[in-house]
Amino acid sequence: MADIVMPQLGESVTEGTITKWFKQVGDSVAEDEILFEVSTDKVDSEVPSPTAGVIAEILVPEGETVDVGTPLVRLAEAGAAAPEAPPA
């Protein structure tokens, strides 16, 4: 398992808001594939995954503002079974 954290998107940027997830729990993601969109006071950016894997858990929902370095999503190794999503 690997946690993907809120990246540093600028020298003075300390937090960002997740505006859109492009993947859901159970989806495969390739290295450098766009994973989510984040909005800061300076810029809106699409953020690629630093590694390949399967989305095991989304830790921060859309619309939530978090500090740089906060874990956002947990990836399981590619080929690993992701846990089932909780019923809606």
PDB file of N, CA and C in Angstrom:
ATOM      1  N   MET A   1       0.845  -1.182   0.000  1.00  0.00           N
ATOM      2  CA  MET A   1       0.000   0.000   0.000  1.00  0.00           C
ATOM      3  C   MET A   1       0.889   1.243   0.000  1.00  0.00           C
ATOM      4  N   ALA A   2       0.414   2.247  -0.702  1.00  0.00           N
ATOM      5  CA  ALA A   2       1.123   3.522  -0.752  1.00  0.00           C
ATOM      6  C   ALA A   2       0.111   4.644  -0.609  1.00  0.00           C
ATOM      7  N   ASP A   3       0.413   5.606   0.242  1.00  0.00           N
ATOM      8  CA  ASP A   3      -0.438   6.780   0.383  1.00  0.00           C
ATOM      9  C   ASP A   3       0.072   7.877  -0.540  1.00  0.00           C
ATOM     10  N   ILE A   4      -0.842   8.490  -1.280  1.00  0.00           N
ATOM     11  CA  ILE A   4      -0.527   9.638  -2.117  1.00  0.00           C
ATOM     12  C   ILE A   4      -0.918  10.871  -1.311  1.00  0.00           C
ATOM     13  N   VAL A   5      -0.004  11.825  -1.185  1.00  0.00           N
ATOM     14  CA  VAL A   5      -0.244  12.998  -0.342  1.00  0.00           C
ATOM     15  C   VAL A   5      -0.474  14.245  -1.188  1.00  0.00           C
ATOM     16  N   MET A   6      -1.052  15.273  -0.549  1.00  0.00           N
ATOM     17  CA  MET A   6      -1.248  16.565  -1.204  1.00  0.00           C
ATOM     18  C   MET A   6       0.125  17.121  -1.570  1.00  0.00           C
ATOM     19  N   PRO A   7       0.367  17.358  -2.861  1.00  0.00           N
ATOM     20  CA  PRO A   7       1.685  17.850  -3.275  1.00  0.00           C
ATOM     21  C   PRO A   7       1.871  19.335  -2.992  1.00  0.00           C
ATOM     22  N   GLN A   8       3.113  19.748  -2.965  1.00  0.00           N
ATOM     23  CA  GLN A   8       3.466  21.172  -2.863  1.00  0.00           C
ATOM     24  C   GLN A   8       3.331  21.745  -4.269  1.00  0.00           C
ATOM     25  N   LEU A   9       2.361  22.623  -4.491  1.00  0.00           N
ATOM     26  CA  LEU A   9       2.072  23.128  -5.832  1.00  0.00           C
ATOM     27  C   LEU A   9       2.636  24.520  -6.087  1.00  0.00           C
ATOM     28  N   GLY A  10       3.369  25.037  -5.167  1.00  0.00           N
ATOM     29  CA  GLY A  10       3.988  26.347  -5.316  1.00  0.00           C
ATOM     30  C   GLY A  10       4.743  26.672  -4.050  1.00  0.00           C
ATOM     31  N   GLU A  11       5.680  27.593  -4.164  1.00  0.00           N
ATOM     32  CA  GLU A  11       6.540  27.905  -3.033  1.00  0.00           C
ATOM     33  C   GLU A  11       5.770  28.350  -1.795  1.00  0.00           C
ATOM     34  N   SER A  12       4.726  29.167  -2.000  1.00  0.00           N
ATOM     35  CA  SER A  12       3.993  29.707  -0.851  1.00  0.00           C
ATOM     36  C   SER A  12       2.671  28.992  -0.588  1.00  0.00           C
ATOM     37  N   VAL A  13       2.381  27.939  -1.352  1.00  0.00           N
ATOM     38  CA  VAL A  13       1.114  27.218  -1.194  1.00  0.00           C
ATOM     39  C   VAL A  13       1.229  26.247  -0.021  1.00  0.00           C
ATOM     40  N   THR A  14       0.292  26.350   0.933  1.00  0.00           N
ATOM     41  CA  THR A  14       0.334  25.483   2.113  1.00  0.00           C
ATOM     42  C   THR A  14      -0.849  24.531   2.188  1.00  0.00           C
ATOM     43  N   GLU A  15      -1.887  24.764   1.349  1.00  0.00           N
ATOM     44  CA  GLU A  15      -3.067  23.906   1.367  1.00  0.00           C
ATOM     45  C   GLU A  15      -3.744  23.934   0.008  1.00  0.00           C
ATOM     46  N   GLY A  16      -4.633  22.970  -0.203  1.00  0.00           N
ATOM     47  CA  GLY A  16      -5.393  22.913  -1.444  1.00  0.00           C
ATOM     48  C   GLY A  16      -6.729  22.236  -1.207  1.00  0.00           C
ATOM     49  N   THR A  17      -7.662  22.472  -2.127  1.00  0.00           N
ATOM     50  CA  THR A  17      -8.993  21.877  -2.059  1.00  0.00           C
ATOM     51  C   THR A  17      -9.142  20.867  -3.183  1.00  0.00           C
ATOM     52  N   ILE A  18      -9.546  19.642  -2.834  1.00  0.00           N
ATOM     53  CA  ILE A  18      -9.807  18.620  -3.852  1.00  0.00           C
ATOM     54  C   ILE A  18     -11.099  19.012  -4.562  1.00  0.00           C
ATOM     55  N   THR A  19     -11.011  19.308  -5.850  1.00  0.00           N
ATOM     56  CA  THR A  19     -12.205  19.714  -6.592  1.00  0.00           C
ATOM     57  C   THR A  19     -12.812  18.573  -7.393  1.00  0.00           C
ATOM     58  N   LYS A  20     -11.994  17.569  -7.761  1.00  0.00           N
ATOM     59  CA  LYS A  20     -12.537  16.446  -8.532  1.00  0.00           C
ATOM     60  C   LYS A  20     -11.607  15.249  -8.443  1.00  0.00           C
ATOM     61  N   TRP A  21     -12.197  14.079  -8.206  1.00  0.00           N
ATOM     62  CA  TRP A  21     -11.483  12.807  -8.304  1.00  0.00           C
ATOM     63  C   TRP A  21     -11.775  12.227  -9.680  1.00  0.00           C
ATOM     64  N   PHE A  22     -10.750  11.815 -10.403  1.00  0.00           N
ATOM     65  CA  PHE A  22     -10.926  11.207 -11.716  1.00  0.00           C
ATOM     66  C   PHE A  22     -11.001   9.685 -11.630  1.00  0.00           C
ATOM     67  N   LYS A  23     -10.696   9.127 -10.476  1.00  0.00           N
ATOM     68  CA  LYS A  23     -10.739   7.679 -10.238  1.00  0.00           C
ATOM     69  C   LYS A  23     -11.552   7.405  -8.980  1.00  0.00           C
ATOM     70  N   GLN A  24     -12.077   6.173  -8.893  1.00  0.00           N
ATOM     71  CA  GLN A  24     -12.862   5.752  -7.734  1.00  0.00           C
ATOM     72  C   GLN A  24     -12.232   4.493  -7.134  1.00  0.00           C
ATOM     73  N   VAL A  25     -12.678   4.114  -5.945  1.00  0.00           N
ATOM     74  CA  VAL A  25     -12.182   2.904  -5.284  1.00  0.00           C
ATOM     75  C   VAL A  25     -12.359   1.711  -6.219  1.00  0.00           C
ATOM     76  N   GLY A  26     -11.289   0.929  -6.359  1.00  0.00           N
ATOM     77  CA  GLY A  26     -11.305  -0.249  -7.219  1.00  0.00           C
ATOM     78  C   GLY A  26     -10.745   0.005  -8.608  1.00  0.00           C
ATOM     79  N   ASP A  27     -10.602   1.283  -8.996  1.00  0.00           N
ATOM     80  CA  ASP A  27     -10.057   1.616 -10.316  1.00  0.00           C
ATOM     81  C   ASP A  27      -8.544   1.438 -10.328  1.00  0.00           C
ATOM     82  N   SER A  28      -8.032   0.992 -11.472  1.00  0.00           N
ATOM     83  CA  SER A  28      -6.585   0.943 -11.678  1.00  0.00           C
ATOM     84  C   SER A  28      -6.101   2.314 -12.109  1.00  0.00           C
ATOM     85  N   VAL A  29      -4.891   2.644 -11.717  1.00  0.00           N
ATOM     86  CA  VAL A  29      -4.288   3.909 -12.128  1.00  0.00           C
ATOM     87  C   VAL A  29      -2.843   3.641 -12.542  1.00  0.00           C
ATOM     88  N   ALA A  30      -2.441   4.246 -13.655  1.00  0.00           N
ATOM     89  CA  ALA A  30      -1.076   4.105 -14.147  1.00  0.00           C
ATOM     90  C   ALA A  30      -0.215   5.243 -13.603  1.00  0.00           C
ATOM     91  N   GLU A  31       1.085   5.022 -13.547  1.00  0.00           N
ATOM     92  CA  GLU A  31       1.989   6.093 -13.153  1.00  0.00           C
ATOM     93  C   GLU A  31       1.811   7.261 -14.118  1.00  0.00           C
ATOM     94  N   ASP A  32       1.736   8.463 -13.605  1.00  0.00           N
ATOM     95  CA  ASP A  32       1.560   9.711 -14.361  1.00  0.00           C
ATOM     96  C   ASP A  32       0.156   9.903 -14.925  1.00  0.00           C
ATOM     97  N   GLU A  33      -0.790   9.014 -14.601  1.00  0.00           N
ATOM     98  CA  GLU A  33      -2.185   9.208 -15.009  1.00  0.00           C
ATOM     99  C   GLU A  33      -2.832  10.221 -14.057  1.00  0.00           C
ATOM    100  N   ILE A  34      -3.662  11.118 -14.610  1.00  0.00           N
ATOM    101  CA  ILE A  34      -4.307  12.144 -13.790  1.00  0.00           C
ATOM    102  C   ILE A  34      -5.209  11.472 -12.755  1.00  0.00           C
ATOM    103  N   LEU A  35      -4.999  11.830 -11.498  1.00  0.00           N
ATOM    104  CA  LEU A  35      -5.701  11.202 -10.382  1.00  0.00           C
ATOM    105  C   LEU A  35      -6.777  12.118  -9.795  1.00  0.00           C
ATOM    106  N   PHE A  36      -6.437  13.397  -9.618  1.00  0.00           N
ATOM    107  CA  PHE A  36      -7.400  14.340  -9.046  1.00  0.00           C
ATOM    108  C   PHE A  36      -7.056  15.757  -9.481  1.00  0.00           C
ATOM    109  N   GLU A  37      -8.012  16.647  -9.245  1.00  0.00           N
ATOM    110  CA  GLU A  37      -7.813  18.071  -9.515  1.00  0.00           C
ATOM    111  C   GLU A  37      -7.834  18.797  -8.177  1.00  0.00           C
ATOM    112  N   VAL A  38      -6.925  19.739  -8.016  1.00  0.00           N
ATOM    113  CA  VAL A  38      -6.825  20.492  -6.774  1.00  0.00           C
ATOM    114  C   VAL A  38      -6.834  21.986  -7.090  1.00  0.00           C
ATOM    115  N   SER A  39      -7.469  22.743  -6.213  1.00  0.00           N
ATOM    116  CA  SER A  39      -7.540  24.191  -6.354  1.00  0.00           C
ATOM    117  C   SER A  39      -6.825  24.832  -5.167  1.00  0.00           C
ATOM    118  N   THR A  40      -5.952  25.798  -5.468  1.00  0.00           N
ATOM    119  CA  THR A  40      -5.286  26.564  -4.414  1.00  0.00           C
ATOM    120  C   THR A  40      -5.622  28.034  -4.621  1.00  0.00           C
ATOM    121  N   ASP A  41      -5.125  28.886  -3.745  1.00  0.00           N
ATOM    122  CA  ASP A  41      -5.385  30.316  -3.916  1.00  0.00           C
ATOM    123  C   ASP A  41      -4.653  30.885  -5.130  1.00  0.00           C
ATOM    124  N   LYS A  42      -3.721  30.136  -5.695  1.00  0.00           N
ATOM    125  CA  LYS A  42      -2.934  30.610  -6.832  1.00  0.00           C
ATOM    126  C   LYS A  42      -3.289  29.925  -8.149  1.00  0.00           C
ATOM    127  N   VAL A  43      -3.642  28.640  -8.125  1.00  0.00           N
ATOM    128  CA  VAL A  43      -3.787  27.886  -9.371  1.00  0.00           C
ATOM    129  C   VAL A  43      -4.685  26.667  -9.165  1.00  0.00           C
ATOM    130  N   ASP A  44      -5.318  26.217 -10.252  1.00  0.00           N
ATOM    131  CA  ASP A  44      -6.012  24.930 -10.277  1.00  0.00           C
ATOM    132  C   ASP A  44      -5.132  23.977 -11.076  1.00  0.00           C
ATOM    133  N   SER A  45      -4.911  22.775 -10.566  1.00  0.00           N
ATOM    134  CA  SER A  45      -4.014  21.830 -11.222  1.00  0.00           C
ATOM    135  C   SER A  45      -4.591  20.429 -11.218  1.00  0.00           C
ATOM    136  N   GLU A  46      -4.333  19.696 -12.312  1.00  0.00           N
ATOM    137  CA  GLU A  46      -4.602  18.262 -12.342  1.00  0.00           C
ATOM    138  C   GLU A  46      -3.330  17.587 -11.860  1.00  0.00           C
ATOM    139  N   VAL A  47      -3.479  16.649 -10.930  1.00  0.00           N
ATOM    140  CA  VAL A  47      -2.317  16.021 -10.305  1.00  0.00           C
ATOM    141  C   VAL A  47      -2.228  14.561 -10.736  1.00  0.00           C
ATOM    142  N   PRO A  48      -1.079  14.166 -11.312  1.00  0.00           N
ATOM    143  CA  PRO A  48      -0.901  12.777 -11.732  1.00  0.00           C
ATOM    144  C   PRO A  48      -0.472  11.886 -10.564  1.00  0.00           C
ATOM    145  N   SER A  49      -0.720  10.599 -10.724  1.00  0.00           N
ATOM    146  CA  SER A  49      -0.291   9.630  -9.726  1.00  0.00           C
ATOM    147  C   SER A  49       1.218   9.419  -9.844  1.00  0.00           C
ATOM    148  N   PRO A  50       1.937   9.430  -8.730  1.00  0.00           N
ATOM    149  CA  PRO A  50       3.378   9.195  -8.783  1.00  0.00           C
ATOM    150  C   PRO A  50       3.737   7.719  -8.970  1.00  0.00           C
ATOM    151  N   THR A  51       2.739   6.839  -8.868  1.00  0.00           N
ATOM    152  CA  THR A  51       2.986   5.405  -8.982  1.00  0.00           C
ATOM    153  C   THR A  51       1.744   4.701  -9.516  1.00  0.00           C
ATOM    154  N   ALA A  52       1.928   3.501 -10.045  1.00  0.00           N
ATOM    155  CA  ALA A  52       0.800   2.704 -10.531  1.00  0.00           C
ATOM    156  C   ALA A  52       0.215   1.897  -9.381  1.00  0.00           C
ATOM    157  N   GLY A  53      -1.067   1.566  -9.492  1.00  0.00           N
ATOM    158  CA  GLY A  53      -1.710   0.747  -8.474  1.00  0.00           C
ATOM    159  C   GLY A  53      -3.206   0.711  -8.665  1.00  0.00           C
ATOM    160  N   VAL A  54      -3.891   0.276  -7.626  1.00  0.00           N
ATOM    161  CA  VAL A  54      -5.350   0.203  -7.607  1.00  0.00           C
ATOM    162  C   VAL A  54      -5.827   1.058  -6.436  1.00  0.00           C
ATOM    163  N   ILE A  55      -6.840   1.897  -6.678  1.00  0.00           N
ATOM    164  CA  ILE A  55      -7.364   2.754  -5.616  1.00  0.00           C
ATOM    165  C   ILE A  55      -7.994   1.865  -4.542  1.00  0.00           C
ATOM    166  N   ALA A  56      -7.389   1.846  -3.354  1.00  0.00           N
ATOM    167  CA  ALA A  56      -7.909   1.046  -2.248  1.00  0.00           C
ATOM    168  C   ALA A  56      -8.844   1.873  -1.368  1.00  0.00           C
ATOM    169  N   GLU A  57      -8.519   3.166  -1.219  1.00  0.00           N
ATOM    170  CA  GLU A  57      -9.322   4.021  -0.342  1.00  0.00           C
ATOM    171  C   GLU A  57      -9.070   5.485  -0.691  1.00  0.00           C
ATOM    172  N   ILE A  58     -10.142   6.256  -0.811  1.00  0.00           N
ATOM    173  CA  ILE A  58     -10.036   7.707  -0.966  1.00  0.00           C
ATOM    174  C   ILE A  58     -10.223   8.299   0.425  1.00  0.00           C
ATOM    175  N   LEU A  59      -9.208   8.999   0.906  1.00  0.00           N
ATOM    176  CA  LEU A  59      -9.183   9.484   2.285  1.00  0.00           C
ATOM    177  C   LEU A  59      -9.769  10.884   2.440  1.00  0.00           C
ATOM    178  N   VAL A  60      -9.809  11.658   1.347  1.00  0.00           N
ATOM    179  CA  VAL A  60     -10.293  13.040   1.393  1.00  0.00           C
ATOM    180  C   VAL A  60     -11.348  13.221   0.304  1.00  0.00           C
ATOM    181  N   PRO A  61     -12.571  13.584   0.671  1.00  0.00           N
ATOM    182  CA  PRO A  61     -13.632  13.748  -0.331  1.00  0.00           C
ATOM    183  C   PRO A  61     -13.479  15.049  -1.124  1.00  0.00           C
ATOM    184  N   GLU A  62     -14.162  15.112  -2.265  1.00  0.00           N
ATOM    185  CA  GLU A  62     -14.194  16.337  -3.057  1.00  0.00           C
ATOM    186  C   GLU A  62     -14.733  17.472  -2.193  1.00  0.00           C
ATOM    187  N   GLY A  63     -14.167  18.661  -2.373  1.00  0.00           N
ATOM    188  CA  GLY A  63     -14.625  19.837  -1.644  1.00  0.00           C
ATOM    189  C   GLY A  63     -13.899  20.092  -0.340  1.00  0.00           C
ATOM    190  N   GLU A  64     -13.078  19.144   0.103  1.00  0.00           N
ATOM    191  CA  GLU A  64     -12.368  19.316   1.372  1.00  0.00           C
ATOM    192  C   GLU A  64     -11.007  19.967   1.142  1.00  0.00           C
ATOM    193  N   THR A  65     -10.651  20.901   2.010  1.00  0.00           N
ATOM    194  CA  THR A  65      -9.361  21.589   1.951  1.00  0.00           C
ATOM    195  C   THR A  65      -8.420  20.949   2.962  1.00  0.00           C
ATOM    196  N   VAL A  66      -7.204  20.614   2.494  1.00  0.00           N
ATOM    197  CA  VAL A  66      -6.226  19.955   3.359  1.00  0.00           C
ATOM    198  C   VAL A  66      -4.849  20.592   3.172  1.00  0.00           C
ATOM    199  N   ASP A  67      -3.994  20.396   4.165  1.00  0.00           N
ATOM    200  CA  ASP A  67      -2.628  20.914   4.120  1.00  0.00           C
ATOM    201  C   ASP A  67      -1.752  20.076   3.201  1.00  0.00           C
ATOM    202  N   VAL A  68      -0.704  20.702   2.652  1.00  0.00           N
ATOM    203  CA  VAL A  68       0.306  19.992   1.879  1.00  0.00           C
ATOM    204  C   VAL A  68       0.862  18.863   2.745  1.00  0.00           C
ATOM    205  N   GLY A  69       1.028  17.676   2.153  1.00  0.00           N
ATOM    206  CA  GLY A  69       1.558  16.526   2.878  1.00  0.00           C
ATOM    207  C   GLY A  69       0.500  15.628   3.488  1.00  0.00           C
ATOM    208  N   THR A  70      -0.775  16.057   3.459  1.00  0.00           N
ATOM    209  CA  THR A  70      -1.864  15.242   4.002  1.00  0.00           C
ATOM    210  C   THR A  70      -2.136  14.057   3.075  1.00  0.00           C
ATOM    211  N   PRO A  71      -2.233  12.827   3.595  1.00  0.00           N
ATOM    212  CA  PRO A  71      -2.588  11.683   2.750  1.00  0.00           C
ATOM    213  C   PRO A  71      -3.983  11.868   2.140  1.00  0.00           C
ATOM    214  N   LEU A  72      -4.088  11.649   0.820  1.00  0.00           N
ATOM    215  CA  LEU A  72      -5.341  11.849   0.100  1.00  0.00           C
ATOM    216  C   LEU A  72      -5.991  10.554  -0.352  1.00  0.00           C
ATOM    217  N   VAL A  73      -5.161   9.618  -0.784  1.00  0.00           N
ATOM    218  CA  VAL A  73      -5.672   8.373  -1.360  1.00  0.00           C
ATOM    219  C   VAL A  73      -4.665   7.265  -1.084  1.00  0.00           C
ATOM    220  N   ARG A  74      -5.174   6.060  -0.901  1.00  0.00           N
ATOM    221  CA  ARG A  74      -4.327   4.899  -0.635  1.00  0.00           C
ATOM    222  C   ARG A  74      -4.373   3.981  -1.855  1.00  0.00           C
ATOM    223  N   LEU A  75      -3.202   3.641  -2.385  1.00  0.00           N
ATOM    224  CA  LEU A  75      -3.103   2.738  -3.529  1.00  0.00           C
ATOM    225  C   LEU A  75      -2.597   1.380  -3.080  1.00  0.00           C
ATOM    226  N   ALA A  76      -3.249   0.334  -3.581  1.00  0.00           N
ATOM    227  CA  ALA A  76      -2.751  -1.027  -3.414  1.00  0.00           C
ATOM    228  C   ALA A  76      -1.885  -1.331  -4.630  1.00  0.00           C
ATOM    229  N   GLU A  77      -1.013  -2.319  -4.516  1.00  0.00           N
ATOM    230  CA  GLU A  77      -0.182  -2.705  -5.652  1.00  0.00           C
ATOM    231  C   GLU A  77      -1.065  -3.165  -6.796  1.00  0.00           C
ATOM    232  N   ALA A  78      -0.632  -2.886  -8.018  1.00  0.00           N
ATOM    233  CA  ALA A  78      -1.371  -3.339  -9.194  1.00  0.00           C
ATOM    234  C   ALA A  78      -1.530  -4.852  -9.112  1.00  0.00           C
ATOM    235  N   GLY A  79      -2.730  -5.330  -9.387  1.00  0.00           N
ATOM    236  CA  GLY A  79      -3.008  -6.756  -9.311  1.00  0.00           C
ATOM    237  C   GLY A  79      -3.565  -7.183  -7.965  1.00  0.00           C
ATOM    238  N   ALA A  80      -3.445  -6.325  -6.961  1.00  0.00           N
ATOM    239  CA  ALA A  80      -4.012  -6.632  -5.643  1.00  0.00           C
ATOM    240  C   ALA A  80      -5.501  -6.324  -5.663  1.00  0.00           C
ATOM    241  N   ALA A  81      -6.252  -7.068  -4.922  1.00  0.00           N
ATOM    242  CA  ALA A  81      -7.698  -6.828  -4.844  1.00  0.00           C
ATOM    243  C   ALA A  81      -7.954  -5.648  -3.921  1.00  0.00           C
ATOM    244  N   ALA A  82      -8.701  -4.687  -4.418  1.00  0.00           N
ATOM    245  CA  ALA A  82      -9.075  -3.535  -3.593  1.00  0.00           C
ATOM    246  C   ALA A  82     -10.243  -3.931  -2.702  1.00  0.00           C
ATOM    247  N   PRO A  83     -10.314  -3.370  -1.506  1.00  0.00           N
ATOM    248  CA  PRO A  83     -11.467  -3.674  -0.654  1.00  0.00           C
ATOM    249  C   PRO A  83     -12.743  -3.144  -1.291  1.00  0.00           C
ATOM    250  N   GLU A  84     -13.856  -3.792  -0.987  1.00  0.00           N
ATOM    251  CA  GLU A  84     -15.126  -3.338  -1.544  1.00  0.00           C
ATOM    252  C   GLU A  84     -15.503  -2.000  -0.942  1.00  0.00           C
ATOM    253  N   ALA A  85     -16.109  -1.155  -1.772  1.00  0.00           N
ATOM    254  CA  ALA A  85     -16.572   0.148  -1.296  1.00  0.00           C
ATOM    255  C   ALA A  85     -17.743  -0.070  -0.343  1.00  0.00           C
ATOM    256  N   PRO A  86     -17.843   0.754   0.693  1.00  0.00           N
ATOM    257  CA  PRO A  86     -18.988   0.610   1.598  1.00  0.00           C
ATOM    258  C   PRO A  86     -20.287   0.927   0.862  1.00  0.00           C
ATOM    259  N   PRO A  87     -21.395   0.292   1.231  1.00  0.00           N
ATOM    260  CA  PRO A  87     -22.662   0.568   0.539  1.00  0.00           C
ATOM    261  C   PRO A  87     -23.068   2.025   0.707  1.00  0.00           C
ATOM    262  N   ALA A  88     -23.656   2.557  -0.339  1.00  0.00           N
ATOM    263  CA  ALA A  88     -24.046   3.982  -0.317  1.00  0.00           C
ATOM    264  C   ALA A  88     -25.341   4.183   0.440  1.00  0.00           C
TER     265      ALA A  88
END
